[in-house]
Amino acid sequence: MEAAPFEDLLRRAIGLNPGSVGAYAIPRAVYQRMTACQLTGEREYLAFASARRAELQALIDAVVVPETWFFRHPQAFAQLASRFTSSRSASRERKLRVLSLPCSSGEEPYSMAMALLDAGVAADRFAIDAIDVSEQSLARAARAIYGRNSFRGENLEFRDRYFEAAESRYRLKAAPRGPVTFALGNLLAPYFLAGVEPYDVIFCRNLLIYFDSATQHRAIEILSRLLAPDGELFVGPAEAALMFAHGFAWSKVPLAFSFTKKAEAGAPPRRLPSVERRDPTGEQRQAGFPARSLGQSAPPARLLPPESANALDVVQQLADAGHLVEAARSCDAYLRAHGPSARALQLRALIYSAAESPEQAVASLRKALYLEPDLREALVHLALLLEKGGDNAAARLLRARAGRLNVNNAEGAP
């Protein structure tokens, strides 16, 4: 099929860079929708989709394949909770305003709500607006029933507290659903959220990587307009370089990938307080995410020898706590003891990115992908770093690979 007209339609509709979803994603979606509409000609279907908003939305849903899970990059949710529970934020009268964009099938905004509730924040003290271009994703978010693919990582204690069994799946309880409002919307639409009160916190993670440079610039300008002067913007790991390039300042919270509009000259790195709550039994609990993500110091005495199978978890703990030098040294020691490891190399790349060393991050990501070519997050991270370095052709190839993985993962998800 001639993909160019459909690529142009989707670029105008949602700002999609066709290369970011893979070479076959758009033709596959077009044929799927042509069959559903009982149309046989591509030109006929192009006119049909262009003239009918509902069908254009159905085509968008068929192309956009979300990849998300609860508490993805948990340090970001720890930082969200600490921002509200700080004395400056907790003393104010108005609600904390939070935006999740794109919200996909709801795992991110619901994670926000759980993190704030676990931090002791009453549900009537914050409001989360969750927006996405996909009606299909929003319908799944409204149902709030999730399979095992939405729960990843070792610490799933939050699932026991906030979900109930629904046959072989899990249904979210009412408490974290209450503060979240879902809406259909497009960041690039004219007058998007025009006139709304600015948000204290915006999560816009792993969206910018799918735009070309001009669209990225436009999107960041819109996000800046929506962000309060002292607000905080969270992006994906691969998008951190974009924020530096557009004049944002790193919040200095390792692995949270959060930024503010202006740097505070001479300000020390921000540390996360320990956020704790007690349930009716008196048991002390952490705030809905692994304890290592809370930014508590990990003293050198607790370090395990690099030969230990758990040594890489300690590297993650050091990085989360802000000890980047110690984390890098420990990661290097692990690699010397165990040999090349995709997980260790990807973690090393994140540490390099946090330390603003893009060349070393690129080298680590290349090694990780040599060992495991299907690490989607490493692919998109490397693509953006290469694009910022001027290697657009290589970046397009990497994004295409990541797009194909997106489709394959969606087809195989339970």
Protein backbone atom coordinates (compact mmCIF):
# COMPACT_ATOMS: atom_id res chain seq x y z
CA MET A 1 0.00 0.00 0.00
CA GLU A 2 1.00 3.65 -0.38
CA ALA A 3 1.59 4.61 3.25
CA ALA A 4 2.50 8.29 2.75
CA PRO A 5 -1.07 9.69 2.67
CA PHE A 6 -1.96 7.87 5.88
CA GLU A 7 1.30 8.93 7.51
CA ASP A 8 0.46 12.54 6.65
CA LEU A 9 -3.06 12.11 8.04
CA LEU A 10 -1.75 10.78 11.35
CA ARG A 11 0.99 13.41 11.51
CA ARG A 12 -1.61 16.16 11.16
CA ALA A 13 -4.02 14.47 13.58
CA ILE A 14 -1.72 13.67 16.51
CA GLY A 15 1.79 14.78 15.49
CA LEU A 16 2.96 11.20 15.01
CA ASN A 17 6.41 10.58 13.56
CA PRO A 18 5.68 7.48 11.42
CA GLY A 19 9.19 6.11 11.92
CA SER A 20 8.58 5.85 15.65
CA VAL A 21 5.97 3.08 15.32
CA GLY A 22 7.77 0.90 12.80
CA ALA A 23 7.43 0.38 9.07
CA TYR A 24 4.49 -2.00 9.27
CA ALA A 25 2.36 -0.50 12.03
CA ILE A 26 0.46 2.00 9.88
CA PRO A 27 -0.22 -0.33 6.89
CA ARG A 28 -1.32 -3.04 9.31
CA ALA A 29 -3.73 -0.66 11.08
CA VAL A 30 -5.11 0.65 7.78
CA TYR A 31 -5.91 -2.83 6.49
CA GLN A 32 -7.45 -3.72 9.85
CA ARG A 33 -9.76 -0.70 9.72
CA MET A 34 -10.54 -1.14 6.01
CA THR A 35 -11.73 -4.67 6.79
CA ALA A 36 -13.81 -3.48 9.74
CA CYS A 37 -15.43 -0.79 7.55
CA GLN A 38 -15.93 -3.25 4.65
CA LEU A 39 -13.98 -1.04 2.27
CA THR A 40 -11.58 -2.40 -0.33
CA GLY A 41 -9.84 0.68 -1.76
CA GLU A 42 -7.14 2.59 0.07
CA ARG A 43 -8.19 5.93 -1.44
CA GLU A 44 -11.78 5.25 -0.48
CA TYR A 45 -10.76 4.47 3.09
CA LEU A 46 -8.48 7.52 3.28
CA ALA A 47 -11.41 9.78 2.34
CA PHE A 48 -13.67 7.89 4.74
CA ALA A 49 -11.28 8.26 7.70
CA SER A 50 -10.52 11.90 6.86
CA ALA A 51 -14.19 12.84 6.87
CA ARG A 52 -15.31 10.98 9.99
CA ARG A 53 -13.86 11.81 13.37
CA ALA A 54 -14.94 8.49 14.88
CA GLU A 55 -13.15 6.48 12.20
CA LEU A 56 -10.02 8.61 12.40
CA GLN A 57 -10.01 7.92 16.13
CA ALA A 58 -10.40 4.19 15.46
CA LEU A 59 -7.39 4.33 13.13
CA ILE A 60 -5.38 6.18 15.78
CA ASP A 61 -6.31 3.52 18.33
CA ALA A 62 -5.14 0.81 15.94
CA VAL A 63 -1.76 2.51 15.38
CA VAL A 64 -0.96 3.73 18.91
CA VAL A 65 0.09 0.78 21.05
CA PRO A 66 0.75 1.86 24.65
CA GLU A 67 3.46 0.28 26.81
CA THR A 68 2.86 1.01 30.47
CA TRP A 69 2.62 -0.54 33.92
CA PHE A 70 2.04 0.52 37.51
CA PHE A 71 4.83 2.52 39.19
CA ARG A 72 7.00 2.58 36.10
CA HIS A 73 10.22 4.36 37.17
CA PRO A 74 9.12 4.45 40.83
CA GLN A 75 11.42 7.32 41.82
CA ALA A 76 9.14 9.68 39.88
CA PHE A 77 6.19 8.75 42.08
CA ALA A 78 8.33 9.09 45.19
CA GLN A 79 9.23 12.60 44.10
CA LEU A 80 5.57 13.40 43.43
CA ALA A 81 4.65 12.30 46.96
CA SER A 82 7.54 14.19 48.55
CA ARG A 83 6.64 17.35 46.66
CA PHE A 84 3.21 17.45 48.23
CA THR A 85 4.27 16.38 51.72
CA SER A 86 6.99 19.04 51.92
CA SER A 87 6.15 21.85 54.34
CA ARG A 88 5.87 24.37 51.49
CA SER A 89 3.24 22.33 49.64
CA ALA A 90 1.37 20.77 52.52
CA SER A 91 0.57 24.13 54.15
CA ARG A 92 -1.27 25.62 51.17
CA GLU A 93 -5.03 25.67 50.96
CA ARG A 94 -5.72 24.74 47.36
CA LYS A 95 -5.56 21.25 45.91
CA LEU A 96 -2.46 19.89 44.24
CA ARG A 97 -3.15 19.84 40.49
CA VAL A 98 -1.56 16.99 38.54
CA LEU A 99 -1.67 16.16 34.83
CA SER A 100 -0.95 12.74 33.28
CA LEU A 101 -0.46 13.05 29.51
CA PRO A 102 -0.73 10.66 27.78
CA CYS A 103 -2.42 8.57 30.43
CA SER A 104 -2.81 5.47 28.25
CA SER A 105 -4.85 2.76 30.00
CA GLY A 106 -4.64 4.41 33.41
CA GLU A 107 -1.68 2.78 35.13
CA GLU A 108 0.22 6.07 35.47
CA PRO A 109 -2.51 8.33 36.94
CA TYR A 110 -3.69 5.56 39.25
CA SER A 111 -0.08 5.09 40.42
CA MET A 112 0.01 8.82 41.19
CA ALA A 113 -3.14 8.50 43.28
CA MET A 114 -1.84 5.47 45.18
CA ALA A 115 1.49 7.18 45.87
CA LEU A 116 -0.22 10.27 47.30
CA LEU A 117 -2.70 8.25 49.35
CA ASP A 118 0.14 6.14 50.77
CA ALA A 119 1.96 9.35 51.68
CA GLY A 120 -0.99 10.28 53.89
CA VAL A 121 -2.53 12.82 51.51
CA ALA A 122 -6.33 12.91 51.71
CA ALA A 123 -8.12 12.22 48.43
CA ASP A 124 -9.83 15.63 48.53
CA ARG A 125 -6.45 17.42 48.64
CA PHE A 126 -5.37 16.57 45.10
CA ALA A 127 -6.88 16.24 41.62
CA ILE A 128 -5.40 14.30 38.71
CA ASP A 129 -6.40 15.07 35.12
CA ALA A 130 -5.62 12.12 32.84
CA ILE A 131 -5.71 12.77 29.08
CA ASP A 132 -5.08 10.58 26.05
CA VAL A 133 -5.79 10.62 22.30
CA SER A 134 -7.02 7.03 22.34
CA GLU A 135 -10.67 6.35 23.18
CA GLN A 136 -9.85 2.67 23.45
CA SER A 137 -7.17 3.31 26.09
CA LEU A 138 -9.48 5.63 28.02
CA ALA A 139 -12.20 2.96 28.03
CA ARG A 140 -9.74 0.46 29.55
CA ALA A 141 -8.69 3.07 32.11
CA ALA A 142 -12.31 3.66 33.10
CA ARG A 143 -12.87 -0.07 33.60
CA ALA A 144 -9.75 -0.20 35.81
CA ILE A 145 -9.33 -3.97 35.44
CA TYR A 146 -5.77 -5.10 34.76
CA GLY A 147 -3.87 -8.26 33.88
CA ARG A 148 -0.47 -9.40 35.02
CA ASN A 149 1.35 -7.35 32.36
CA SER A 150 0.43 -4.18 34.27
CA PHE A 151 2.23 -5.40 37.40
CA ARG A 152 5.99 -5.62 37.04
CA GLY A 153 8.89 -5.57 39.45
CA GLU A 154 9.46 -7.33 42.71
CA ASN A 155 7.44 -5.16 45.10
CA LEU A 156 3.73 -5.55 44.43
CA GLU A 157 2.48 -4.81 47.94
CA PHE A 158 0.36 -1.97 46.57
CA ARG A 159 -1.68 -4.53 44.62
CA ASP A 160 -2.75 -6.24 47.83
CA ARG A 161 -3.95 -2.94 49.28
CA TYR A 162 -5.61 -1.28 46.32
CA PHE A 163 -6.91 -4.10 44.11
CA GLU A 164 -9.39 -6.93 44.42
CA ALA A 165 -9.40 -10.17 42.47
CA ALA A 166 -11.55 -10.23 39.34
CA GLU A 167 -11.27 -13.80 38.03
CA SER A 168 -7.73 -13.99 36.64
CA ARG A 169 -7.31 -10.19 36.70
CA TYR A 170 -7.33 -7.34 39.23
CA ARG A 171 -9.91 -4.57 39.72
CA LEU A 172 -8.81 -1.25 41.24
CA LYS A 173 -10.71 -0.21 44.36
CA ALA A 174 -12.61 3.05 44.65
CA ALA A 175 -10.15 5.09 46.75
CA PRO A 176 -7.47 5.71 44.07
CA ARG A 177 -10.07 6.08 41.33
CA GLY A 178 -11.89 9.01 42.95
CA PRO A 179 -9.31 11.79 42.40
CA VAL A 180 -8.67 10.84 38.74
CA THR A 181 -10.63 12.41 35.87
CA PHE A 182 -10.15 10.99 32.36
CA ALA A 183 -10.65 12.96 29.16
CA LEU A 184 -10.00 12.63 25.45
CA GLY A 185 -7.49 15.20 24.25
CA ASN A 186 -4.53 15.92 22.00
CA LEU A 187 -1.54 17.89 23.27
CA LEU A 188 -1.04 19.37 19.79
CA ALA A 189 -4.65 20.43 19.25
CA PRO A 190 -5.33 24.18 18.92
CA TYR A 191 -6.13 25.77 22.29
CA PHE A 192 -5.34 22.55 24.16
CA LEU A 193 -6.38 23.15 27.81
CA ALA A 194 -6.45 26.87 27.11
CA GLY A 195 -7.47 28.90 30.14
CA VAL A 196 -7.02 26.16 32.72
CA GLU A 197 -5.16 26.82 35.94
CA PRO A 198 -1.50 25.72 35.61
CA TYR A 199 -0.53 22.32 36.96
CA ASP A 200 1.80 21.79 39.89
CA VAL A 201 3.05 18.53 38.42
CA ILE A 202 2.93 17.20 34.86
CA PHE A 203 3.83 13.66 33.85
CA CYS A 204 4.48 13.54 30.08
CA ARG A 205 6.63 10.47 29.77
CA ASN A 206 7.65 8.66 26.58
CA LEU A 207 5.55 10.83 24.27
CA LEU A 208 8.11 13.31 22.93
CA ILE A 209 10.28 10.51 21.56
CA TYR A 210 7.63 9.82 18.91
CA PHE A 211 7.72 13.38 17.50
CA ASP A 212 10.10 14.95 15.02
CA SER A 213 12.25 17.86 16.23
CA ALA A 214 9.82 20.61 15.23
CA THR A 215 6.90 18.87 16.91
CA GLN A 216 8.99 18.20 20.01
CA HIS A 217 9.72 21.93 20.28
CA ARG A 218 6.04 22.79 19.90
CA ALA A 219 4.99 20.17 22.46
CA ILE A 220 7.49 21.39 25.05
CA GLU A 221 6.28 24.96 24.61
CA ILE A 222 2.72 23.78 25.34
CA LEU A 223 3.86 21.80 28.38
CA SER A 224 5.73 24.86 29.64
CA ARG A 225 2.55 26.93 29.32
CA LEU A 226 0.59 24.34 31.31
CA LEU A 227 3.20 24.07 34.07
CA ALA A 228 3.02 26.38 37.10
CA PRO A 229 6.07 28.66 37.58
CA ASP A 230 7.31 26.48 40.45
CA GLY A 231 5.93 23.26 38.96
CA GLU A 232 7.73 20.06 38.05
CA LEU A 233 7.66 18.23 34.72
CA PHE A 234 8.40 14.49 34.56
CA VAL A 235 9.57 12.93 31.28
CA GLY A 236 10.87 9.54 30.18
CA PRO A 237 14.54 8.56 30.58
CA ALA A 238 15.20 8.98 26.87
CA GLU A 239 13.71 12.49 26.89
CA ALA A 240 15.94 14.09 29.50
CA ALA A 241 18.34 15.46 26.89
CA LEU A 242 15.43 17.29 25.25
CA MET A 243 14.63 19.14 28.45
CA PHE A 244 18.20 20.35 28.89
CA ALA A 245 18.17 21.53 25.27
CA HIS A 246 14.98 23.54 25.88
CA GLY A 247 16.22 25.41 28.92
CA PHE A 248 14.71 23.32 31.70
CA ALA A 249 16.67 22.59 34.87
CA TRP A 250 17.12 19.11 36.29
CA SER A 251 15.50 18.71 39.70
CA LYS A 252 18.60 16.78 40.85
CA VAL A 253 16.51 13.80 41.98
CA PRO A 254 18.29 10.83 40.40
CA LEU A 255 16.20 8.55 38.18
CA ALA A 256 13.03 10.62 38.63
CA PHE A 257 13.67 12.38 35.28
CA SER A 258 11.97 15.53 36.52
CA PHE A 259 12.64 19.13 35.53
CA THR A 260 11.70 22.67 36.50
CA LYS A 261 11.48 25.80 34.40
CA LYS A 262 14.41 27.62 35.96
CA ALA A 263 17.55 26.52 37.72
CA GLU A 264 18.04 27.74 41.25
CA ALA A 265 21.58 29.08 41.31
CA GLY A 266 23.62 27.53 44.08
CA ALA A 267 20.77 25.35 45.29
CA PRO A 268 21.90 22.00 46.71
CA PRO A 269 20.54 18.75 45.26
CA ARG A 270 17.03 18.06 46.52
CA ARG A 271 16.66 14.97 48.69
CA LEU A 272 13.44 13.06 49.12
CA PRO A 273 12.12 12.74 52.66
CA SER A 274 10.99 9.32 53.83
CA VAL A 275 7.25 9.19 53.30
CA GLU A 276 5.59 6.83 55.76
CA ARG A 277 2.09 5.91 56.87
CA ARG A 278 0.56 3.52 59.37
CA ASP A 279 -2.30 1.20 58.68
CA PRO A 280 -4.92 0.34 61.36
CA THR A 281 -2.73 -2.50 62.67
CA GLY A 282 0.08 -0.06 63.38
CA GLU A 283 2.34 -1.54 60.74
CA GLN A 284 4.64 1.00 59.18
CA ARG A 285 4.42 1.09 55.37
CA GLN A 286 6.32 2.80 52.61
CA ALA A 287 4.50 4.86 50.04
CA GLY A 288 3.29 2.36 47.46
CA PHE A 289 6.61 1.76 45.68
CA PRO A 290 9.77 -0.20 46.41
CA ALA A 291 11.61 1.05 49.49
CA ARG A 292 14.78 1.60 47.48
CA SER A 293 13.00 4.34 45.49
CA LEU A 294 12.43 6.62 48.46
CA GLY A 295 15.75 8.40 48.27
CA GLN A 296 16.99 7.21 51.64
CA SER A 297 20.75 7.02 51.98
CA ALA A 298 22.36 3.67 51.41
CA PRO A 299 25.51 3.66 53.56
CA PRO A 300 28.61 2.06 52.06
CA ALA A 301 28.65 -0.50 54.88
CA ARG A 302 25.57 -2.12 53.32
CA LEU A 303 27.20 -2.67 49.94
CA LEU A 304 27.39 -6.26 48.79
CA PRO A 305 30.43 -7.69 47.04
CA PRO A 306 30.09 -7.49 43.25
CA GLU A 307 30.06 -11.29 43.07
CA SER A 308 26.73 -11.34 44.94
CA ALA A 309 23.62 -12.02 42.88
CA ASN A 310 21.93 -9.06 44.62
CA ALA A 311 24.74 -6.60 44.00
CA LEU A 312 22.96 -5.00 41.05
CA ASP A 313 19.93 -4.27 43.24
CA VAL A 314 22.26 -2.35 45.54
CA VAL A 315 23.56 -0.39 42.54
CA GLN A 316 19.94 0.56 41.79
CA GLN A 317 19.46 1.55 45.43
CA LEU A 318 22.55 3.76 45.39
CA ALA A 319 21.46 5.46 42.18
CA ASP A 320 17.93 6.03 43.50
CA ALA A 321 19.39 7.55 46.65
CA GLY A 322 21.44 10.04 44.63
CA HIS A 323 24.86 8.47 45.17
CA LEU A 324 25.76 8.51 41.48
CA VAL A 325 29.53 8.14 41.89
CA GLU A 326 29.15 5.18 44.24
CA ALA A 327 26.50 3.66 41.96
CA ALA A 328 28.75 3.97 38.91
CA ARG A 329 31.71 2.41 40.69
CA SER A 330 29.58 -0.43 42.03
CA CYS A 331 28.08 -1.05 38.60
CA ASP A 332 31.54 -1.19 37.05
CA ALA A 333 32.63 -3.64 39.75
CA TYR A 334 29.61 -5.79 39.01
CA LEU A 335 30.45 -5.84 35.30
CA ARG A 336 34.03 -6.82 36.04
CA ALA A 337 32.88 -9.64 38.30
CA HIS A 338 30.02 -10.98 36.16
CA GLY A 339 30.91 -9.92 32.64
CA PRO A 340 28.58 -8.04 30.27
CA SER A 341 24.97 -7.80 31.45
CA ALA A 342 22.20 -6.00 29.58
CA ARG A 343 20.50 -4.90 32.80
CA ALA A 344 23.76 -3.60 34.29
CA LEU A 345 24.67 -1.75 31.10
CA GLN A 346 21.22 -0.17 30.81
CA LEU A 347 21.44 0.92 34.45
CA ARG A 348 24.93 2.28 33.75
CA ALA A 349 23.49 4.32 30.87
CA LEU A 350 20.83 5.82 33.13
CA ILE A 351 23.52 6.79 35.64
CA TYR A 352 25.53 8.42 32.86
CA SER A 353 22.43 10.31 31.68
CA ALA A 354 21.74 11.54 35.21
CA ALA A 355 25.35 12.71 35.38
CA GLU A 356 24.95 14.49 32.00
CA SER A 357 27.46 12.25 30.18
CA PRO A 358 25.64 11.40 26.93
CA GLU A 359 28.61 9.86 25.09
CA GLN A 360 29.17 7.29 27.82
CA ALA A 361 25.41 6.65 27.99
CA VAL A 362 25.36 5.93 24.24
CA ALA A 363 28.25 3.47 24.56
CA SER A 364 26.54 1.58 27.40
CA LEU A 365 23.23 1.41 25.55
CA ARG A 366 24.91 0.04 22.42
CA LYS A 367 26.48 -2.73 24.49
CA ALA A 368 23.19 -3.51 26.22
CA LEU A 369 21.38 -3.79 22.87
CA TYR A 370 24.12 -6.02 21.49
CA LEU A 371 23.35 -8.46 24.30
CA GLU A 372 19.55 -8.04 24.20
CA PRO A 373 18.38 -6.42 20.96
CA ASP A 374 14.73 -6.20 22.08
CA LEU A 375 15.13 -3.84 25.06
CA ARG A 376 12.56 -1.27 23.95
CA GLU A 377 13.41 1.36 26.56
CA ALA A 378 17.10 1.13 25.63
CA LEU A 379 16.17 1.51 21.95
CA VAL A 380 14.20 4.71 22.42
CA HIS A 381 16.75 6.13 24.88
CA LEU A 382 19.56 5.52 22.41
CA ALA A 383 17.49 6.88 19.50
CA LEU A 384 16.96 10.22 21.21
CA LEU A 385 20.60 10.54 22.27
CA LEU A 386 21.73 9.84 18.70
CA GLU A 387 19.21 12.29 17.29
CA LYS A 388 20.49 15.00 19.61
CA GLY A 389 23.98 14.17 18.38
CA GLY A 390 22.92 14.62 14.76
CA ASP A 391 22.68 10.96 13.70
CA ASN A 392 19.08 11.13 12.53
CA ALA A 393 19.27 8.11 10.23
CA ALA A 394 20.39 5.77 13.00
CA ALA A 395 17.78 7.24 15.33
CA ARG A 396 15.00 6.51 12.81
CA LEU A 397 16.10 2.88 12.51
CA LEU A 398 16.11 2.45 16.28
CA ARG A 399 12.67 4.01 16.62
CA ALA A 400 11.35 1.69 13.93
CA ARG A 401 12.68 -1.31 15.86
CA ALA A 402 11.05 -0.02 19.04
CA GLY A 403 7.78 0.48 17.18
CA ARG A 404 7.76 -3.11 15.96
CA LEU A 405 8.34 -4.32 19.52
CA ASN A 406 5.39 -2.18 20.67
CA VAL A 407 3.07 -3.98 18.24
CA ASN A 408 4.41 -7.43 19.11
CA ASN A 409 4.09 -6.82 22.86
CA ALA A 410 0.50 -5.68 22.48
CA GLU A 411 -0.42 -8.77 20.48
CA GLY A 412 1.13 -11.06 23.10
CA ALA A 413 -0.17 -9.29 26.22
CA PRO A 414 -2.67 -11.22 28.34
